[in-house]
Amino acid sequence: MRKKRFLHKVVCTHCGERVPWQHSSYRHPLIQLFLEKYPTATIPFWCDTCMEEEGVIVADWQRQKVDGGFSSDAFCILYYVDEVKTCVSCKEEFVFTASEKQFWYEEAQIFIEVSPKMCLSCRREAKKTGPISQQIALLLQEVAEQPSREKYLQLASLYEELGNKTKAGQCKADAKRYP
């Protein structure tokens, strides 16, 4: 009598379908490695169809920085999935894509607890205005200690660069008080 072959099935986290393990993320070498290291771990699985439709990327959990640099593989990301977020600056929705996450956490070595708060265009704008804001902060301290026409005009110029016409006008008016 021939033994019946048992086909192990897993449940897809996304669609809930039971699929043979050969057609799921279970067969991926990085998932297998994780399960070898943590045999009692309960991890989610994705079927091949959902992985393709949702653009899921299996993460290289060994390359991630966790918890401020103290690596704890048990608290790592196993899959990168697109995530819709709201920009704190412009309040528009943006997508933090699976491929962006892979770059952030594996290539750039950004801690996995960190994620973008602003959309790409606002991040670029903030990067441009950051140094100007720092210059303004230093000049404001100098003006508080020893005000001068030159410092107020520098402030006005920096505020104009940021597009803040009101503060630029105030600084120009203050500059007139000094010879």
Protein backbone atom coordinates (compact mmCIF):
# COMPACT_ATOMS: atom_id res chain seq x y z
CA MET A 1 0.00 0.00 0.00
CA ARG A 2 1.30 3.41 -1.01
CA LYS A 3 1.48 6.22 1.53
CA LYS A 4 -0.50 9.30 0.75
CA ARG A 5 1.74 12.35 0.39
CA PHE A 6 0.87 15.18 2.79
CA LEU A 7 0.86 18.64 1.17
CA HIS A 8 1.51 21.19 3.88
CA LYS A 9 -0.64 24.28 3.38
CA VAL A 10 -0.28 27.75 4.82
CA VAL A 11 -2.86 30.48 5.23
CA CYS A 12 -2.16 33.72 3.37
CA THR A 13 -2.15 36.68 5.74
CA HIS A 14 -3.65 38.94 3.10
CA CYS A 15 -6.43 36.96 1.39
CA GLY A 16 -6.98 34.17 3.93
CA GLU A 17 -6.65 31.40 1.31
CA ARG A 18 -5.01 28.11 2.20
CA VAL A 19 -2.22 27.48 -0.30
CA PRO A 20 0.53 24.85 -0.62
CA TRP A 21 3.69 26.10 1.08
CA GLN A 22 5.50 25.87 -2.27
CA HIS A 23 3.28 28.70 -3.53
CA SER A 24 3.88 31.05 -0.62
CA SER A 25 6.56 33.16 1.03
CA TYR A 26 7.28 30.11 3.22
CA ARG A 27 9.63 28.77 0.54
CA HIS A 28 11.76 31.95 0.44
CA PRO A 29 15.34 31.34 1.72
CA LEU A 30 15.26 34.36 4.10
CA ILE A 31 12.02 33.13 5.67
CA GLN A 32 13.47 29.62 5.98
CA LEU A 33 16.58 31.04 7.63
CA PHE A 34 14.44 33.01 10.09
CA LEU A 35 12.41 29.88 10.94
CA GLU A 36 15.60 27.88 11.45
CA LYS A 37 16.91 30.49 13.87
CA TYR A 38 13.53 30.91 15.61
CA PRO A 39 11.69 27.58 15.20
CA THR A 40 8.89 28.53 17.61
CA ALA A 41 8.20 31.89 15.93
CA THR A 42 4.76 32.50 14.54
CA ILE A 43 5.12 34.55 11.39
CA PRO A 44 2.71 35.66 8.68
CA PHE A 45 2.85 34.09 5.22
CA TRP A 46 1.77 35.50 1.88
CA CYS A 47 0.61 33.52 -1.13
CA ASP A 48 2.48 34.15 -4.40
CA THR A 49 -0.59 35.81 -5.96
CA CYS A 50 -1.01 38.36 -3.15
CA MET A 51 2.73 39.03 -3.02
CA GLU A 52 2.73 39.88 -6.71
CA GLU A 53 -0.51 41.92 -6.62
CA GLU A 54 0.49 43.91 -3.53
CA GLY A 55 4.16 44.34 -4.47
CA VAL A 56 5.37 42.60 -1.31
CA ILE A 57 9.13 42.27 -0.90
CA VAL A 58 10.63 39.69 1.45
CA ALA A 59 12.97 41.61 3.73
CA ASP A 60 16.56 40.72 4.49
CA TRP A 61 15.98 40.93 8.24
CA GLN A 62 19.70 40.35 8.96
CA ARG A 63 20.61 43.74 7.40
CA GLN A 64 18.15 45.83 9.43
CA LYS A 65 19.03 48.11 12.35
CA VAL A 66 16.66 47.51 15.21
CA ASP A 67 15.97 49.39 18.46
CA GLY A 68 18.63 52.06 18.29
CA GLY A 69 21.29 49.68 17.00
CA PHE A 70 20.85 46.84 19.44
CA SER A 71 19.82 44.15 16.97
CA SER A 72 17.06 41.87 18.06
CA ASP A 73 16.07 39.65 15.14
CA ALA A 74 12.82 38.72 16.87
CA PHE A 75 11.60 42.29 16.34
CA CYS A 76 12.47 42.76 12.69
CA ILE A 77 10.48 43.34 9.53
CA LEU A 78 9.99 40.21 7.43
CA TYR A 79 8.03 41.79 4.57
CA TYR A 80 7.95 45.24 3.04
CA VAL A 81 4.48 46.34 1.95
CA ASP A 82 3.28 49.67 0.53
CA GLU A 83 1.88 51.86 3.30
CA VAL A 84 -0.37 54.92 2.89
CA LYS A 85 0.61 57.77 5.21
CA THR A 86 -0.48 61.40 5.67
CA CYS A 87 2.14 64.14 5.36
CA VAL A 88 2.40 66.23 8.54
CA SER A 89 3.37 69.26 6.47
CA CYS A 90 0.92 69.43 3.52
CA LYS A 91 -1.68 66.97 4.94
CA GLU A 92 -1.76 65.05 1.61
CA GLU A 93 -1.63 61.26 1.49
CA PHE A 94 1.52 59.60 0.16
CA VAL A 95 2.71 56.02 -0.21
CA PHE A 96 5.79 54.74 1.58
CA THR A 97 6.51 51.98 -0.94
CA ALA A 98 7.91 48.53 -0.26
CA SER A 99 11.00 49.33 -2.34
CA GLU A 100 11.55 52.62 -0.42
CA LYS A 101 11.32 50.69 2.84
CA GLN A 102 13.83 48.14 1.58
CA PHE A 103 16.25 50.95 0.70
CA TRP A 104 15.73 52.79 4.01
CA TYR A 105 16.13 49.78 6.25
CA GLU A 106 18.67 47.63 4.39
CA GLU A 107 20.81 50.02 2.32
CA ALA A 108 20.67 53.33 4.24
CA GLN A 109 20.59 51.44 7.57
CA ILE A 110 17.87 53.63 9.06
CA PHE A 111 16.39 52.12 12.22
CA ILE A 112 13.22 50.16 11.46
CA GLU A 113 11.33 52.13 14.12
CA VAL A 114 11.67 55.22 11.89
CA SER A 115 9.38 56.04 8.97
CA PRO A 116 8.81 59.21 6.94
CA LYS A 117 6.43 61.79 8.38
CA MET A 118 6.41 63.96 5.25
CA CYS A 119 5.84 63.26 1.56
CA LEU A 120 8.83 63.33 -0.77
CA SER A 121 8.24 66.89 -2.03
CA CYS A 122 7.89 68.25 1.52
CA ARG A 123 11.01 66.32 2.61
CA ARG A 124 12.95 67.87 -0.28
CA GLU A 125 11.66 71.33 0.63
CA ALA A 126 12.56 70.82 4.29
CA LYS A 127 16.04 69.72 3.28
CA LYS A 128 16.48 72.96 1.32
CA THR A 129 15.09 75.21 4.06
CA GLY A 130 16.84 73.48 6.98
CA PRO A 131 20.16 75.32 6.62
CA ILE A 132 18.36 78.65 6.11
CA SER A 133 16.35 78.08 9.29
CA GLN A 134 19.57 77.35 11.18
CA GLN A 135 21.11 80.61 9.90
CA ILE A 136 17.99 82.49 11.00
CA ALA A 137 18.20 80.95 14.49
CA LEU A 138 21.83 82.02 14.87
CA LEU A 139 21.12 85.54 13.60
CA LEU A 140 18.15 85.91 15.95
CA GLN A 141 20.43 85.08 18.89
CA GLU A 142 22.98 87.63 17.67
CA VAL A 143 20.28 90.29 17.20
CA ALA A 144 18.99 89.66 20.72
CA GLU A 145 22.51 90.22 22.14
CA GLN A 146 23.66 93.03 19.85
CA PRO A 147 21.16 94.35 17.29
CA SER A 148 22.44 96.00 14.11
CA ARG A 149 21.16 97.18 10.74
CA GLU A 150 23.32 94.62 8.92
CA LYS A 151 21.97 91.68 10.95
CA TYR A 152 18.34 92.74 10.43
CA LEU A 153 18.94 93.03 6.66
CA GLN A 154 20.51 89.56 6.63
CA LEU A 155 17.45 88.24 8.45
CA ALA A 156 15.15 89.95 5.96
CA SER A 157 17.04 88.36 3.08
CA LEU A 158 16.81 84.88 4.63
CA TYR A 159 13.08 85.28 5.35
CA GLU A 160 12.55 86.33 1.73
CA GLU A 161 14.40 83.20 0.61
CA LEU A 162 11.92 81.16 2.64
CA GLY A 163 9.01 83.09 1.13
CA ASN A 164 8.00 84.75 4.41
CA LYS A 165 7.35 88.31 3.21
CA THR A 166 5.75 89.42 6.48
CA LYS A 167 8.79 88.64 8.64
CA ALA A 168 11.11 89.98 5.93
CA GLY A 169 9.18 93.28 6.03
CA GLN A 170 9.37 93.41 9.83
CA CYS A 171 13.15 92.89 9.73
CA LYS A 172 13.56 95.64 7.12
CA ALA A 173 11.53 98.00 9.31
CA ASP A 174 13.67 97.07 12.34
CA ALA A 175 16.85 97.65 10.29
CA LYS A 176 15.82 101.30 9.73
CA ARG A 177 16.13 101.93 13.45
CA TYR A 178 19.89 101.37 13.31
CA PRO A 179 22.47 103.52 11.46
